[in-house]
Amino acid sequence: MNGGLLVAGTASNAGKTVVVAGICRWLARQGVKVAPFKAQNMALNSVVTPDGAEIGRAQAMQAAAAGIEPEAAMNPVLLKPAGERTSQVIVLGQPVGTDDARAYQRRKPALLQVALRALDDLRARYDVVICEGAGSPAEINLRAHDFVNMGLARAAGLPAIVVGDIDRGGVFAALYGTIALLEPADQALISGFLINKFRGDPDLLAPGVTRLERLTRCPVLGVLPWREGLWLDAEDSLALQARPGFAGRAGLDVAVVQLGRISNFTDLDALAAEPGVRVRFTTDATDVARADLVVLPGTKATVADLALARAWGIGEALAARAQRGDPVLGICGGYQMLGRTISDDVESGAGTVEGLGLLPVETVFEAEKVLARRTGACPLLGGAPAAGYEIRHGRVTVLGGAPLLNPAEARLDPAEARLDPAEARLDPAEGCVDGAVLGTSWHGLLEGDELRRALLRWIAGRRGLDFAPAEINFAAVRQARLDALGDLIANNADLDALEELIAR
């Protein structure tokens, strides 16, 4: 099989990401060499590829569904919101600036060419490329310079299908309205619909499906049922409401501070997959006070979110936890917030601000972003193996405490410390431990089974709880979720019609 397909949607969170991953998994099972592609993604969840590029985490998940390594060409443009009206622009895995909406519109003609070259590159190396749109193709105010929805489909000659979310209601109006708002040349490329997240008897949909097909002259290619547990590697914070957790108080309670610009909250997926571990996202200081572990996660707006945490009373709650010896874990931006000071003339332009003062570290933001994959060991947890990746502008200087991680490869970046060597620990160790407060710049750390289990045992010991972690393999959990996505397509979509569209 050779060809491609664009999966568009009636709105954000309609299910485009899931459908693309499912199609990739279904094709990969048949031995098809398939790759995902999203010309432009807007997300605060990102990963570092093996060659040091930053792309949206959703495309890395889709690459895993296809059984291949992620690369920059799969997401040539990534927007990371930095404020209400600005986003950091990342092109082919590297930051090129921070734009407001008007400035970004001026970039679009050049970005179209970048996206098309990336797509051509993938199509030259793979049998099939399954492309994901963004938002809705009916955002007619943005159509003139669109290069991720119908602009991409027109330029690359791709047929398109539209996914609608029936769970939120109004799916027939959304699908019909999407077609109605498109110009004729775009309408000509819409080749089918998928109705997603249906609960109930599909036969009840038959009259609506028949009329929709008659009105649009476009077939419904399947009704995908609602499936619990498809929450791994979510693209944005809209998915936080659906995150599962255990019911009751028999296990460990983990409170994650839901910062305003929370990023890489997928760091907590592995904890949420643990039987007996409840992961809650919260802005309530009471939740922070009583949890067994509090996680201060990554953020794209470290200084602004630090102010938010203080306004919510979470700063005081964390200080009380530290004094009691109750566990706190800061990751990337959260780690920086736990320190003494943050000097930021790069993202916020706020200069030097006071941190929460719970770890003896100081952070200085630099224009050049650190993008790297890391491996090592965690001395606090008996030398448990550690692996993760770094995405940050902040360079952290450690002034005391103990290292959380010992990287496998010693490195000393002069930009990592701004104090005199006599005053700061300038060894290659990573992160900091002071009492029960832990901090690290590494994302993905909790996906390591041995380290995660050791951490859970350490937390239980600090809290005086009789808790033993299960022997789950998180990589196997992720593969099972990807298989479930493949099954969703294989068991509920018109596969012959999909194959015909892809090969057209």
Protein backbone atom coordinates (compact mmCIF):
# COMPACT_ATOMS: atom_id res chain seq x y z
CA MET A 1 0.00 0.00 0.00
CA ASN A 2 1.19 3.52 -0.82
CA GLY A 3 -0.42 6.89 -0.19
CA GLY A 4 -1.60 9.24 2.52
CA LEU A 5 -4.59 10.65 4.35
CA LEU A 6 -5.49 13.76 6.36
CA VAL A 7 -7.51 13.22 9.53
CA ALA A 8 -9.32 16.47 10.37
CA GLY A 9 -11.83 17.11 13.14
CA THR A 10 -14.83 19.22 13.98
CA ALA A 11 -13.01 20.71 16.97
CA SER A 12 -10.05 20.27 19.30
CA ASN A 13 -10.25 17.03 21.31
CA ALA A 14 -12.67 15.47 18.81
CA GLY A 15 -10.33 12.48 18.54
CA LYS A 16 -7.97 13.25 15.66
CA THR A 17 -4.88 12.18 17.61
CA VAL A 18 -6.47 8.89 18.67
CA VAL A 19 -7.68 8.13 15.14
CA VAL A 20 -4.28 8.85 13.58
CA ALA A 21 -2.57 6.63 16.15
CA GLY A 22 -5.16 3.91 15.61
CA ILE A 23 -4.76 3.96 11.85
CA CYS A 24 -0.97 3.88 12.21
CA ARG A 25 -1.22 0.87 14.53
CA TRP A 26 -3.68 -0.94 12.24
CA LEU A 27 -1.44 -0.40 9.20
CA ALA A 28 1.76 -1.33 11.04
CA ARG A 29 0.18 -4.64 12.06
CA GLN A 30 -0.28 -5.39 8.37
CA GLY A 31 3.38 -4.78 7.68
CA VAL A 32 2.84 -1.34 6.13
CA LYS A 33 5.69 1.10 6.70
CA VAL A 34 3.70 4.04 8.05
CA ALA A 35 4.55 7.37 9.70
CA PRO A 36 2.45 10.08 11.41
CA PHE A 37 2.61 13.76 10.53
CA LYS A 38 1.20 16.98 11.96
CA ALA A 39 2.33 20.09 10.16
CA GLN A 40 1.61 22.39 13.09
CA ASN A 41 0.84 21.38 16.64
CA MET A 42 0.00 23.67 19.55
CA ALA A 43 0.82 21.83 22.76
CA LEU A 44 2.77 22.13 25.98
CA ASN A 45 3.43 18.40 26.09
CA SER A 46 6.54 17.67 24.06
CA VAL A 47 9.41 15.20 23.85
CA VAL A 48 12.99 15.12 22.64
CA THR A 49 13.70 12.87 19.67
CA PRO A 50 16.84 10.69 19.48
CA ASP A 51 18.55 13.36 17.37
CA GLY A 52 17.79 16.17 19.85
CA ALA A 53 14.70 17.77 18.29
CA GLU A 54 11.62 18.88 20.23
CA ILE A 55 8.25 17.76 18.86
CA GLY A 56 4.72 17.33 20.18
CA ARG A 57 4.29 14.33 22.45
CA ALA A 58 1.23 13.24 20.47
CA GLN A 59 3.35 12.69 17.37
CA ALA A 60 5.87 10.69 19.41
CA MET A 61 2.98 8.53 20.64
CA GLN A 62 1.74 8.08 17.07
CA ALA A 63 5.25 7.11 15.98
CA ALA A 64 5.26 4.48 18.75
CA ALA A 65 1.93 3.22 17.40
CA ALA A 66 3.61 2.87 14.01
CA GLY A 67 6.56 1.07 15.58
CA ILE A 68 9.14 3.71 14.61
CA GLU A 69 11.29 6.36 16.32
CA PRO A 70 9.95 9.94 16.40
CA GLU A 71 11.72 12.63 14.39
CA ALA A 72 11.41 16.34 13.69
CA ALA A 73 9.80 15.83 10.27
CA MET A 74 6.73 14.33 11.94
CA ASN A 75 5.90 17.68 13.57
CA PRO A 76 7.81 20.38 11.70
CA VAL A 77 6.10 23.27 13.53
CA LEU A 78 5.32 23.21 17.24
CA LEU A 79 3.73 26.14 19.08
CA LYS A 80 4.14 26.27 22.86
CA PRO A 81 1.84 28.89 24.41
CA ALA A 82 3.86 31.21 26.63
CA GLY A 83 1.08 33.64 27.55
CA GLU A 84 -2.45 34.65 26.61
CA ARG A 85 -1.34 35.94 23.21
CA THR A 86 2.17 34.63 22.59
CA SER A 87 3.72 31.26 21.77
CA GLN A 88 7.23 29.98 21.36
CA VAL A 89 7.68 28.83 17.76
CA ILE A 90 9.69 25.65 17.23
CA VAL A 91 10.62 24.72 13.66
CA LEU A 92 12.07 21.31 12.85
CA GLY A 93 12.70 20.73 16.52
CA GLN A 94 14.49 23.98 17.39
CA PRO A 95 13.09 27.27 18.83
CA VAL A 96 13.15 30.20 16.41
CA GLY A 97 11.38 32.88 18.46
CA THR A 98 8.27 33.90 20.37
CA ASP A 99 5.40 35.35 18.33
CA ASP A 100 2.06 36.95 18.93
CA ALA A 101 -0.79 35.99 16.60
CA ARG A 102 -0.04 38.66 14.01
CA ALA A 103 3.66 37.90 13.83
CA TYR A 104 2.92 34.21 13.46
CA GLN A 105 0.55 34.86 10.57
CA ARG A 106 3.42 36.55 8.75
CA ARG A 107 5.55 33.42 9.20
CA LYS A 108 2.97 31.08 7.70
CA PRO A 109 3.87 31.24 3.99
CA ALA A 110 7.43 30.18 4.81
CA LEU A 111 6.21 27.54 7.27
CA LEU A 112 4.00 26.02 4.57
CA GLN A 113 7.12 25.29 2.55
CA VAL A 114 8.86 23.82 5.60
CA ALA A 115 5.86 21.57 6.25
CA LEU A 116 5.60 20.41 2.65
CA ARG A 117 9.30 19.57 2.48
CA ALA A 118 9.00 17.58 5.71
CA LEU A 119 5.96 15.73 4.38
CA ASP A 120 7.69 15.01 1.08
CA ASP A 121 10.66 13.66 3.01
CA LEU A 122 8.46 11.28 5.01
CA ARG A 123 6.54 10.15 1.93
CA ALA A 124 9.82 9.34 0.19
CA ARG A 125 10.84 7.06 3.08
CA TYR A 126 7.52 5.52 4.12
CA ASP A 127 4.77 3.71 2.25
CA VAL A 128 2.00 5.68 3.95
CA VAL A 129 1.86 8.95 5.91
CA ILE A 130 -1.20 9.63 8.06
CA CYS A 131 -1.55 13.36 8.68
CA GLU A 132 -3.38 15.00 11.57
CA GLY A 133 -5.12 18.34 11.24
CA ALA A 134 -5.43 20.92 14.00
CA GLY A 135 -8.58 22.32 15.56
CA SER A 136 -11.12 22.40 12.73
CA PRO A 137 -10.73 22.85 8.97
CA ALA A 138 -13.75 25.18 9.15
CA GLU A 139 -11.83 27.92 10.97
CA ILE A 140 -12.48 30.13 7.98
CA ASN A 141 -10.81 33.15 9.55
CA LEU A 142 -7.49 31.30 9.27
CA ARG A 143 -8.01 29.57 5.92
CA ALA A 144 -5.98 32.00 3.78
CA HIS A 145 -2.63 30.84 5.18
CA ASP A 146 -3.62 27.43 6.56
CA PHE A 147 -1.02 24.71 6.17
CA VAL A 148 -2.23 22.08 8.64
CA ASN A 149 -5.82 21.35 7.51
CA MET A 150 -7.24 21.80 4.02
CA GLY A 151 -4.35 24.02 2.99
CA LEU A 152 -2.08 21.03 3.51
CA ALA A 153 -4.53 18.63 1.85
CA ARG A 154 -4.77 20.86 -1.23
CA ALA A 155 -1.03 21.42 -1.48
CA ALA A 156 -0.16 17.74 -0.98
CA GLY A 157 -3.10 16.21 -2.85
CA LEU A 158 -4.46 14.33 0.17
CA PRO A 159 -7.98 13.00 0.69
CA ALA A 160 -9.41 13.94 4.09
CA ILE A 161 -11.79 12.47 6.64
CA VAL A 162 -13.47 14.44 9.44
CA VAL A 163 -13.81 13.13 13.00
CA GLY A 164 -16.73 14.29 15.14
CA ASP A 165 -17.16 13.82 18.91
CA ILE A 166 -20.70 12.65 19.62
CA ASP A 167 -20.12 12.58 23.38
CA ARG A 168 -20.22 16.38 23.58
CA GLY A 169 -23.46 16.50 21.54
CA GLY A 170 -24.40 18.05 18.20
CA VAL A 171 -22.19 15.79 16.12
CA PHE A 172 -24.39 15.84 13.00
CA ALA A 173 -24.58 19.64 13.03
CA ALA A 174 -20.82 19.81 13.58
CA LEU A 175 -20.04 17.48 10.68
CA TYR A 176 -22.54 19.11 8.32
CA GLY A 177 -21.47 22.61 9.34
CA THR A 178 -17.81 21.78 8.77
CA ILE A 179 -18.53 20.76 5.18
CA ALA A 180 -20.89 23.68 4.57
CA LEU A 181 -18.30 26.29 5.57
CA LEU A 182 -15.56 24.94 3.29
CA GLU A 183 -14.96 26.33 -0.15
CA PRO A 184 -15.77 23.94 -3.03
CA ALA A 185 -12.17 22.92 -3.73
CA ASP A 186 -11.77 21.94 -0.07
CA GLN A 187 -15.12 20.17 0.01
CA ALA A 188 -13.99 18.03 -2.90
CA LEU A 189 -11.24 16.50 -0.76
CA ILE A 190 -13.50 15.54 2.16
CA SER A 191 -14.02 11.84 1.58
CA GLY A 192 -15.66 10.53 4.72
CA PHE A 193 -16.67 10.98 8.36
CA LEU A 194 -15.88 9.11 11.56
CA ILE A 195 -18.20 9.49 14.56
CA ASN A 196 -16.17 9.16 17.74
CA LYS A 197 -16.85 8.44 21.46
CA PHE A 198 -20.30 6.87 21.01
CA ARG A 199 -22.01 5.29 24.02
CA GLY A 200 -24.95 3.05 23.21
CA ASP A 201 -26.49 1.20 20.28
CA PRO A 202 -25.11 2.32 16.88
CA ASP A 203 -28.42 1.35 15.26
CA LEU A 204 -29.98 4.37 16.95
CA LEU A 205 -27.70 6.56 14.85
CA ALA A 206 -28.87 5.09 11.54
CA PRO A 207 -31.47 7.75 10.63
CA GLY A 208 -29.01 10.57 11.33
CA VAL A 209 -26.21 8.84 9.43
CA THR A 210 -28.45 8.30 6.42
CA ARG A 211 -29.55 11.91 6.31
CA LEU A 212 -26.03 13.25 6.85
CA GLU A 213 -24.73 11.13 3.96
CA ARG A 214 -27.59 12.33 1.74
CA LEU A 215 -27.02 16.00 2.60
CA THR A 216 -23.25 15.95 2.21
CA ARG A 217 -22.80 13.13 -0.33
CA CYS A 218 -20.06 11.92 1.97
CA PRO A 219 -20.05 8.48 3.66
CA VAL A 220 -19.78 7.77 7.38
CA LEU A 221 -16.85 5.36 7.53
CA GLY A 222 -17.43 4.15 11.05
CA VAL A 223 -18.78 4.77 14.54
CA LEU A 224 -16.04 4.45 17.14
CA PRO A 225 -17.32 3.49 20.59
CA TRP A 226 -16.37 5.19 23.83
CA ARG A 227 -13.38 3.45 25.37
CA GLU A 228 -12.12 3.95 28.90
CA GLY A 229 -8.40 4.07 29.54
CA LEU A 230 -7.20 5.76 26.32
CA TRP A 231 -5.58 8.54 28.34
CA LEU A 232 -1.85 7.97 27.91
CA ASP A 233 0.29 10.61 26.19
CA ALA A 234 -2.54 13.12 25.90
CA GLU A 235 -1.85 16.23 23.84
CA ASP A 236 -3.21 19.03 26.04
CA SER A 237 -4.81 19.82 29.38
CA LEU A 238 -8.34 19.20 28.05
CA ALA A 239 -7.60 15.54 28.82
CA LEU A 240 -6.85 16.12 32.51
CA GLN A 241 -10.52 15.77 33.49
CA ALA A 242 -10.55 12.19 32.16
CA ARG A 243 -7.51 10.97 34.08
CA PRO A 244 -8.32 7.91 36.19
CA GLY A 245 -7.33 7.25 39.78
CA PHE A 246 -8.10 4.73 42.48
CA ALA A 247 -11.20 5.07 44.64
CA GLY A 248 -10.71 4.95 48.38
CA ARG A 249 -7.79 5.50 50.71
CA ALA A 250 -6.03 2.13 50.67
CA GLY A 251 -3.14 3.25 48.47
CA LEU A 252 -1.10 6.38 47.81
CA ASP A 253 -2.63 9.77 47.08
CA VAL A 254 -0.67 11.96 44.63
CA ALA A 255 -1.65 15.61 44.16
CA VAL A 256 -0.32 17.35 41.05
CA VAL A 257 -0.51 21.14 41.04
CA GLN A 258 -2.45 22.11 37.92
CA LEU A 259 -0.45 25.17 36.94
CA GLY A 260 -1.82 27.69 34.49
CA ARG A 261 0.68 26.74 31.76
CA ILE A 262 1.24 23.17 32.91
CA SER A 263 3.46 21.25 30.51
CA ASN A 264 4.46 17.62 30.15
CA PHE A 265 1.85 16.48 32.66
CA THR A 266 2.25 13.14 30.90
CA ASP A 267 5.19 12.70 33.28
CA LEU A 268 2.53 11.42 35.70
CA ASP A 269 1.04 8.79 33.36
CA ALA A 270 3.20 6.05 34.81
CA LEU A 271 2.13 6.86 38.38
CA ALA A 272 -1.53 6.92 37.36
CA ALA A 273 -1.11 3.46 35.80
CA GLU A 274 0.00 2.01 39.15
CA PRO A 275 -2.71 0.02 40.99
CA GLY A 276 -3.45 1.70 44.29
CA VAL A 277 -2.06 5.09 43.28
CA ARG A 278 -4.50 7.95 42.84
CA VAL A 279 -3.28 10.91 40.77
CA ARG A 280 -5.28 14.12 41.07
CA PHE A 281 -4.68 17.47 39.35
CA THR A 282 -5.62 20.28 41.70
CA THR A 283 -5.31 23.96 42.56
CA ASP A 284 -6.55 23.43 46.14
CA ALA A 285 -4.02 24.00 48.92
CA THR A 286 -5.97 21.56 51.11
CA ASP A 287 -5.31 18.76 48.61
CA VAL A 288 -1.63 19.70 48.65
CA ALA A 289 -1.51 19.59 52.45
CA ARG A 290 -2.98 16.09 52.85
CA ALA A 291 -1.57 14.15 49.86
CA ASP A 292 1.10 11.50 50.27
CA LEU A 293 3.11 13.05 47.43
CA VAL A 294 2.80 16.47 45.84
CA VAL A 295 4.21 17.03 42.37
CA LEU A 296 5.00 20.51 41.13
CA PRO A 297 5.18 19.78 37.39
CA GLY A 298 6.69 21.46 34.37
CA THR A 299 5.37 24.73 32.99
CA LYS A 300 5.96 27.04 30.03
CA ALA A 301 5.49 30.09 32.29
CA THR A 302 7.61 29.39 35.35
CA VAL A 303 7.52 32.87 36.91
CA ALA A 304 3.82 33.47 36.22
CA ASP A 305 2.84 30.02 37.51
CA LEU A 306 4.97 30.54 40.61
CA ALA A 307 2.87 33.64 41.35
CA LEU A 308 -0.30 31.59 40.76
CA ALA A 309 0.84 28.88 43.16
CA ARG A 310 1.45 31.52 45.82
CA ALA A 311 -1.95 33.13 45.21
CA TRP A 312 -3.63 29.74 45.66
CA GLY A 313 -1.88 29.25 49.01
CA ILE A 314 0.09 26.34 47.61
CA GLY A 315 3.45 27.91 48.43
CA GLU A 316 2.58 27.93 52.13
CA ALA A 317 1.20 24.38 51.93
CA LEU A 318 4.42 23.14 50.33
CA ALA A 319 6.53 24.88 52.96
CA ALA A 320 4.49 23.16 55.69
CA ARG A 321 4.98 19.80 53.98
CA ALA A 322 8.73 20.32 53.79
CA GLN A 323 8.84 21.17 57.49
CA ARG A 324 6.87 17.99 58.34
CA GLY A 325 9.07 15.85 56.09
CA ASP A 326 6.25 14.99 53.67
CA PRO A 327 7.36 14.20 50.09
CA VAL A 328 7.41 16.88 47.40
CA LEU A 329 8.72 16.37 43.84
CA GLY A 330 9.46 19.24 41.45
CA ILE A 331 9.98 18.51 37.76
CA CYS A 332 11.70 21.00 35.43
CA GLY A 333 9.82 24.29 35.96
CA GLY A 334 8.45 22.93 39.23
CA TYR A 335 12.02 22.14 40.35
CA GLN A 336 13.04 25.70 39.53
CA MET A 337 10.10 27.09 41.57
CA LEU A 338 11.23 25.10 44.61
CA GLY A 339 14.58 26.91 44.59
CA ARG A 340 15.72 30.16 46.14
CA THR A 341 15.67 32.46 43.12
CA ILE A 342 14.76 32.47 39.42
CA SER A 343 16.44 34.98 37.11
CA ASP A 344 14.42 35.21 33.91
CA ASP A 345 15.09 37.73 31.17
CA VAL A 346 14.14 35.20 28.47
CA GLU A 347 10.53 33.99 28.91
CA SER A 348 8.84 36.39 31.34
CA GLY A 349 11.36 39.24 31.36
CA ALA A 350 10.72 39.52 35.09
CA GLY A 351 14.37 39.60 36.10
CA THR A 352 15.18 37.95 39.42
CA VAL A 353 12.27 36.73 41.55
CA GLU A 354 12.20 34.84 44.82
CA GLY A 355 11.43 31.13 44.66
CA LEU A 356 9.71 29.00 47.28
CA GLY A 357 13.04 28.40 49.02
CA LEU A 358 12.52 24.69 49.65
CA LEU A 359 15.63 23.54 47.75
CA PRO A 360 19.13 25.09 47.84
CA VAL A 361 19.24 25.87 44.11
CA GLU A 362 19.16 28.96 41.91
CA THR A 363 18.03 29.17 38.29
CA VAL A 364 19.09 31.48 35.47
CA PHE A 365 17.24 31.40 32.16
CA GLU A 366 19.37 31.36 29.01
CA ALA A 367 18.22 32.02 25.43
CA GLU A 368 19.53 28.67 24.17
CA LYS A 369 17.24 25.79 25.06
CA VAL A 370 18.63 22.55 26.49
CA LEU A 371 17.25 19.59 24.47
CA ALA A 372 18.69 16.22 25.39
CA ARG A 373 17.97 12.62 26.36
CA ARG A 374 19.65 11.40 29.55
CA THR A 375 20.36 8.18 31.41
CA GLY A 376 21.88 7.51 34.81
CA ALA A 377 21.05 6.28 38.32
CA CYS A 378 19.30 7.56 41.45
CA PRO A 379 21.45 7.23 44.60
CA LEU A 380 18.53 8.18 46.88
CA LEU A 381 16.63 5.12 45.65
CA GLY A 382 19.38 2.53 45.93
CA GLY A 383 21.01 3.30 42.59
CA ALA A 384 17.84 2.60 40.59
CA PRO A 385 18.44 3.17 36.86
CA ALA A 386 17.10 6.46 35.55
CA ALA A 387 16.23 7.76 32.08
CA GLY A 388 14.56 10.92 30.88
CA TYR A 389 14.82 13.96 28.66
CA GLU A 390 15.41 17.68 29.17
CA ILE A 391 13.51 20.59 27.61
CA ARG A 392 14.40 23.84 29.34
CA HIS A 393 15.84 27.34 29.17
CA GLY A 394 16.68 27.39 32.88
CA ARG A 395 20.20 26.52 34.07
CA VAL A 396 20.17 25.36 37.67
CA THR A 397 22.97 25.95 40.16
CA VAL A 398 22.94 23.59 43.16
CA LEU A 399 24.20 25.15 46.39
CA GLY A 400 23.65 22.28 48.80
CA GLY A 401 21.66 19.17 49.55
CA ALA A 402 22.41 15.93 47.76
CA PRO A 403 22.13 15.00 44.07
CA LEU A 404 18.97 13.21 42.99
CA LEU A 405 20.55 11.66 39.90
CA ASN A 406 23.99 10.69 38.67
CA PRO A 407 23.99 10.92 34.85
CA ALA A 408 25.69 8.07 33.01
CA GLU A 409 27.84 10.47 31.03
CA ALA A 410 29.63 13.12 33.06
CA ARG A 411 29.09 16.57 31.64
CA LEU A 412 29.85 20.07 32.84
CA ASP A 413 28.09 22.86 30.98
CA PRO A 414 29.62 26.17 32.12
CA ALA A 415 26.19 27.74 31.67
CA GLU A 416 24.79 25.36 34.28
CA ALA A 417 26.32 27.37 37.12
CA ARG A 418 26.93 31.07 37.55
CA LEU A 419 28.56 31.03 40.99
CA ASP A 420 32.17 30.56 41.94
CA PRO A 421 33.13 26.84 42.05
CA ALA A 422 33.95 27.26 45.73
CA GLU A 423 30.34 28.23 46.42
CA ALA A 424 28.45 25.78 44.21
CA ARG A 425 28.56 22.08 43.47
CA LEU A 426 29.81 21.97 39.88
CA ASP A 427 29.83 18.22 39.38
CA PRO A 428 27.82 16.39 36.72
CA ALA A 429 25.14 15.30 39.23
CA GLU A 430 21.56 16.24 38.35
CA GLY A 431 18.74 17.43 40.56
CA CYS A 432 18.64 18.01 44.27
CA VAL A 433 17.39 16.32 47.45
CA ASP A 434 16.88 18.21 50.70
CA GLY A 435 14.94 16.25 53.33
CA ALA A 436 11.77 15.01 51.63
CA VAL A 437 11.89 17.64 48.86
CA LEU A 438 13.17 16.35 45.50
CA GLY A 439 13.83 18.22 42.28
CA THR A 440 14.90 17.21 38.78
CA SER A 441 15.11 18.69 35.29
CA TRP A 442 14.41 15.30 33.69
CA HIS A 443 11.02 14.56 32.20
CA GLY A 444 9.85 10.96 31.80
CA LEU A 445 11.76 9.81 34.86
CA LEU A 446 8.80 7.95 36.37
CA GLU A 447 8.41 5.70 33.32
CA GLY A 448 11.35 3.65 34.59
CA ASP A 449 9.76 0.71 36.42
CA GLU A 450 12.53 0.12 38.96
CA LEU A 451 12.92 3.79 39.86
CA ARG A 452 9.15 4.35 40.10
CA ARG A 453 8.65 1.38 42.43
CA ALA A 454 11.56 2.48 44.61
CA LEU A 455 10.11 6.00 44.78
CA LEU A 456 6.68 4.68 45.80
CA ARG A 457 8.26 2.58 48.55
CA TRP A 458 10.23 5.63 49.71
CA ILE A 459 7.05 7.74 49.81
CA ALA A 460 5.17 5.04 51.73
CA GLY A 461 8.01 4.88 54.24
CA ARG A 462 8.04 8.66 54.75
CA ARG A 463 4.27 8.63 55.26
CA GLY A 464 4.21 5.54 57.48
CA LEU A 465 1.95 3.63 55.09
CA ASP A 466 1.79 -0.09 54.42
CA PHE A 467 1.96 0.08 50.64
CA ALA A 468 3.77 -2.12 48.14
CA PRO A 469 3.85 -1.13 44.45
CA ALA A 470 2.68 -3.61 41.83
CA GLU A 471 5.10 -5.22 39.40
CA ILE A 472 3.67 -3.50 36.34
CA ASN A 473 5.73 -2.87 33.22
CA PHE A 474 4.86 0.60 32.00
CA ALA A 475 6.21 0.01 28.50
CA ALA A 476 3.82 -2.94 28.24
CA VAL A 477 0.97 -0.77 29.52
CA ARG A 478 1.70 1.77 26.78
CA GLN A 479 1.85 -0.94 24.11
CA ALA A 480 -1.49 -2.31 25.30
CA ARG A 481 -3.02 1.16 24.98
CA LEU A 482 -1.62 1.48 21.46
CA ASP A 483 -3.04 -1.93 20.57
CA ALA A 484 -6.41 -0.76 21.90
CA LEU A 485 -6.24 2.20 19.49
CA GLY A 486 -5.48 -0.15 16.61
CA ASP A 487 -8.43 -2.33 17.64
CA LEU A 488 -10.68 0.73 17.76
CA ILE A 489 -10.07 1.28 14.05
CA ALA A 490 -9.85 -2.37 12.98
CA ASN A 491 -13.12 -3.33 14.67
CA ASN A 492 -15.27 -0.28 13.96
CA ALA A 493 -14.19 1.46 10.75
CA ASP A 494 -14.78 0.59 7.09
CA LEU A 495 -11.29 -0.74 6.44
CA ASP A 496 -11.78 -1.27 2.70
CA ALA A 497 -12.89 2.33 2.30
CA LEU A 498 -9.93 3.58 4.37
CA GLU A 499 -7.47 1.56 2.29
CA GLU A 500 -8.99 2.94 -0.89
CA LEU A 501 -8.74 6.52 0.35
CA ILE A 502 -5.14 6.11 1.51
CA ALA A 503 -4.11 4.62 -1.82
CA ARG A 504 -6.01 7.16 -3.91
